[in-house]
Amino acid sequence: MESSIWTVLAFYILAATIVGSALLVVCLRNIVHSVLWLAVCFIAMAGLFLTLDADFLAAVQVMVYAGAVCIMVVFGIMLIQRGNMGQTNLFNSQTKVSAAVVALVITLCGALSARTQWATAGAPVPEKTVENIAQLLLSKYVIPFEVAALLLLVALVGAIFLAREVKE
């Protein structure tokens, strides 16, 4: 991995984008806007993977999370069918409990990070990772790959069927 000043700058910009968009996902009152910021967060994560030379993870991040997960959330919103979408993401009485849980998790992560002996740079990233993974998916693991595709198709058709308006 090349660690030029531009790579470091891109890393910090993407990290700030991820934190900012994640906060907007939680804090916005309109759930549709929250889903859009969730997609921005996922795409920024893919960019972060690209700065780390993990091109396959970046592609999967965009296809699975930014594409499929956000579309599934939109289908969920369609199933709710509320008139005013601006008041759908209401705050509740569990804010203090959730803040305490978040503080506990951050403290635990910090303590574990301080005790961990971080490894130095190991072996370099292998070339052509996407080609090698694609070769395995289309040869050795073709049956699980096709079963997963069929499962996603059934879920999509089921969501369309449930979201369809009932005509009397």
Protein backbone atom coordinates (compact mmCIF):
# COMPACT_ATOMS: atom_id res chain seq x y z
CA MET A 1 0.00 0.00 0.00
CA GLU A 2 1.27 3.40 -0.92
CA SER A 3 1.24 5.75 2.05
CA SER A 4 1.58 9.10 0.41
CA ILE A 5 0.20 12.31 1.87
CA TRP A 6 -2.80 12.02 -0.46
CA THR A 7 -3.65 8.56 0.85
CA VAL A 8 -3.44 9.77 4.42
CA LEU A 9 -5.53 12.84 3.57
CA ALA A 10 -8.14 10.64 1.82
CA PHE A 11 -8.23 8.36 4.87
CA TYR A 12 -9.00 11.24 7.22
CA ILE A 13 -11.60 12.78 4.89
CA LEU A 14 -13.36 9.43 4.48
CA ALA A 15 -13.21 8.76 8.22
CA ALA A 16 -14.76 12.17 8.94
CA THR A 17 -17.43 11.49 6.31
CA ILE A 18 -18.24 8.15 7.94
CA VAL A 19 -18.55 9.63 11.42
CA GLY A 20 -20.59 12.61 10.20
CA SER A 21 -22.98 10.57 8.09
CA ALA A 22 -23.41 8.00 10.87
CA LEU A 23 -24.38 10.77 13.26
CA LEU A 24 -26.87 12.10 10.71
CA VAL A 25 -28.37 8.61 10.32
CA VAL A 26 -29.09 8.53 14.03
CA CYS A 27 -30.08 12.15 14.58
CA LEU A 28 -32.30 13.00 11.58
CA ARG A 29 -36.04 12.82 12.17
CA ASN A 30 -36.99 11.82 8.62
CA ILE A 31 -36.26 8.14 8.08
CA VAL A 32 -35.87 8.55 4.30
CA HIS A 33 -33.10 11.08 4.87
CA SER A 34 -31.53 8.70 7.38
CA VAL A 35 -31.42 5.96 4.73
CA LEU A 36 -29.75 8.34 2.25
CA TRP A 37 -27.06 9.22 4.80
CA LEU A 38 -26.67 5.52 5.54
CA ALA A 39 -25.86 4.99 1.86
CA VAL A 40 -23.30 7.82 2.06
CA CYS A 41 -21.75 6.13 5.10
CA PHE A 42 -21.52 2.79 3.29
CA ILE A 43 -19.97 4.35 0.18
CA ALA A 44 -17.42 6.22 2.30
CA MET A 45 -16.57 2.89 3.94
CA ALA A 46 -15.95 1.45 0.47
CA GLY A 47 -13.59 4.34 -0.21
CA LEU A 48 -11.81 3.58 3.04
CA PHE A 49 -11.35 -0.02 1.91
CA LEU A 50 -9.89 1.25 -1.37
CA THR A 51 -7.29 3.28 0.50
CA LEU A 52 -6.29 0.04 2.23
CA ASP A 53 -5.92 -1.85 -1.12
CA ALA A 54 -8.94 -4.05 -0.33
CA ASP A 55 -10.70 -3.70 -3.66
CA PHE A 56 -12.89 -6.79 -3.25
CA LEU A 57 -14.20 -5.58 0.10
CA ALA A 58 -14.90 -2.17 -1.45
CA ALA A 59 -16.92 -3.75 -4.26
CA VAL A 60 -18.87 -5.95 -1.83
CA GLN A 61 -19.47 -2.94 0.43
CA VAL A 62 -21.03 -0.99 -2.43
CA MET A 63 -23.08 -3.88 -3.85
CA VAL A 64 -24.32 -5.45 -0.63
CA TYR A 65 -24.55 -2.62 1.85
CA ALA A 66 -25.00 0.54 -0.21
CA GLY A 67 -27.21 -1.26 -2.71
CA ALA A 68 -29.08 -4.16 -1.18
CA VAL A 69 -29.36 -3.10 2.45
CA CYS A 70 -30.48 0.43 1.61
CA ILE A 71 -33.06 -0.92 -0.86
CA MET A 72 -34.37 -3.29 1.79
CA VAL A 73 -34.74 -0.38 4.22
CA VAL A 74 -36.63 1.56 1.55
CA PHE A 75 -38.93 -1.45 1.10
CA GLY A 76 -39.46 -1.44 4.86
CA ILE A 77 -40.36 2.23 4.72
CA MET A 78 -42.81 1.50 1.91
CA LEU A 79 -44.48 -1.12 4.10
CA ILE A 80 -45.00 1.38 6.91
CA GLN A 81 -47.07 3.71 4.70
CA ARG A 82 -47.23 6.79 6.88
CA GLY A 83 -48.51 10.05 5.52
CA ASN A 84 -45.95 12.37 7.10
CA MET A 85 -42.46 10.89 6.72
CA GLY A 86 -40.93 13.84 8.58
CA GLN A 87 -42.10 12.49 11.93
CA THR A 88 -41.21 8.83 11.49
CA ASN A 89 -37.89 8.68 13.31
CA LEU A 90 -39.00 9.91 16.69
CA PHE A 91 -36.83 10.07 19.77
CA ASN A 92 -37.91 7.93 22.67
CA SER A 93 -37.27 7.51 26.37
CA GLN A 94 -34.38 5.07 25.89
CA THR A 95 -31.86 7.78 24.93
CA LYS A 96 -30.14 7.80 28.33
CA VAL A 97 -29.87 4.01 28.45
CA SER A 98 -28.47 3.86 24.94
CA ALA A 99 -25.96 6.65 25.73
CA ALA A 100 -24.76 4.63 28.74
CA VAL A 101 -24.39 1.50 26.60
CA VAL A 102 -22.45 3.45 23.95
CA ALA A 103 -20.16 4.92 26.62
CA LEU A 104 -19.57 1.42 28.01
CA VAL A 105 -18.75 0.01 24.56
CA ILE A 106 -16.36 2.89 23.78
CA THR A 107 -14.63 2.43 27.14
CA LEU A 108 -14.34 -1.32 26.57
CA CYS A 109 -12.97 -0.84 23.04
CA GLY A 110 -10.43 1.70 24.31
CA ALA A 111 -9.30 -0.61 27.11
CA LEU A 112 -8.96 -3.56 24.74
CA SER A 113 -7.10 -1.42 22.19
CA ALA A 114 -4.66 -0.25 24.85
CA ARG A 115 -3.91 -3.86 25.91
CA THR A 116 -3.56 -5.25 22.37
CA GLN A 117 -0.12 -5.77 20.92
CA TRP A 118 -0.55 -4.55 17.38
CA ALA A 119 1.29 -6.45 14.69
CA THR A 120 3.52 -4.60 12.31
CA ALA A 121 3.04 -4.77 8.57
CA GLY A 122 2.95 -8.38 7.47
CA ALA A 123 2.95 -9.82 4.02
CA PRO A 124 2.04 -7.51 1.16
CA VAL A 125 -1.46 -7.60 -0.28
CA PRO A 126 -1.62 -10.23 -3.03
CA GLU A 127 -2.23 -9.09 -6.58
CA LYS A 128 -5.47 -9.85 -8.42
CA THR A 129 -7.59 -10.61 -5.36
CA VAL A 130 -10.84 -9.96 -7.19
CA GLU A 131 -9.93 -12.32 -10.04
CA ASN A 132 -8.96 -15.09 -7.62
CA ILE A 133 -12.15 -14.74 -5.57
CA ALA A 134 -14.28 -14.60 -8.72
CA GLN A 135 -12.61 -17.76 -10.00
CA LEU A 136 -13.46 -19.55 -6.73
CA LEU A 137 -17.05 -18.25 -6.67
CA LEU A 138 -17.73 -19.41 -10.21
CA SER A 139 -16.07 -22.81 -9.87
CA LYS A 140 -15.71 -24.34 -6.40
CA TYR A 141 -18.44 -22.34 -4.63
CA VAL A 142 -20.93 -21.92 -7.49
CA ILE A 143 -23.79 -23.78 -5.73
CA PRO A 144 -23.76 -21.63 -2.53
CA PHE A 145 -23.37 -18.54 -4.74
CA GLU A 146 -26.44 -19.45 -6.80
CA VAL A 147 -28.46 -20.39 -3.69
CA ALA A 148 -27.69 -16.98 -2.17
CA ALA A 149 -28.78 -15.27 -5.39
CA LEU A 150 -32.02 -17.27 -5.45
CA LEU A 151 -32.69 -16.43 -1.79
CA LEU A 152 -32.22 -12.71 -2.47
CA LEU A 153 -34.56 -12.92 -5.46
CA VAL A 154 -37.25 -14.63 -3.37
CA ALA A 155 -36.86 -11.95 -0.67
CA LEU A 156 -37.21 -9.20 -3.28
CA VAL A 157 -40.32 -10.74 -4.83
CA GLY A 158 -41.81 -11.24 -1.35
CA ALA A 159 -41.15 -7.62 -0.43
CA ILE A 160 -42.81 -6.44 -3.66
CA PHE A 161 -45.77 -8.69 -2.98
CA LEU A 162 -46.15 -7.34 0.57
CA ALA A 163 -45.72 -3.72 -0.51
CA ARG A 164 -48.29 -4.05 -3.27
CA GLU A 165 -51.45 -2.17 -2.58
CA VAL A 166 -54.43 -4.35 -1.81
CA LYS A 167 -57.27 -3.69 -4.27
CA GLU A 168 -60.82 -4.45 -3.27
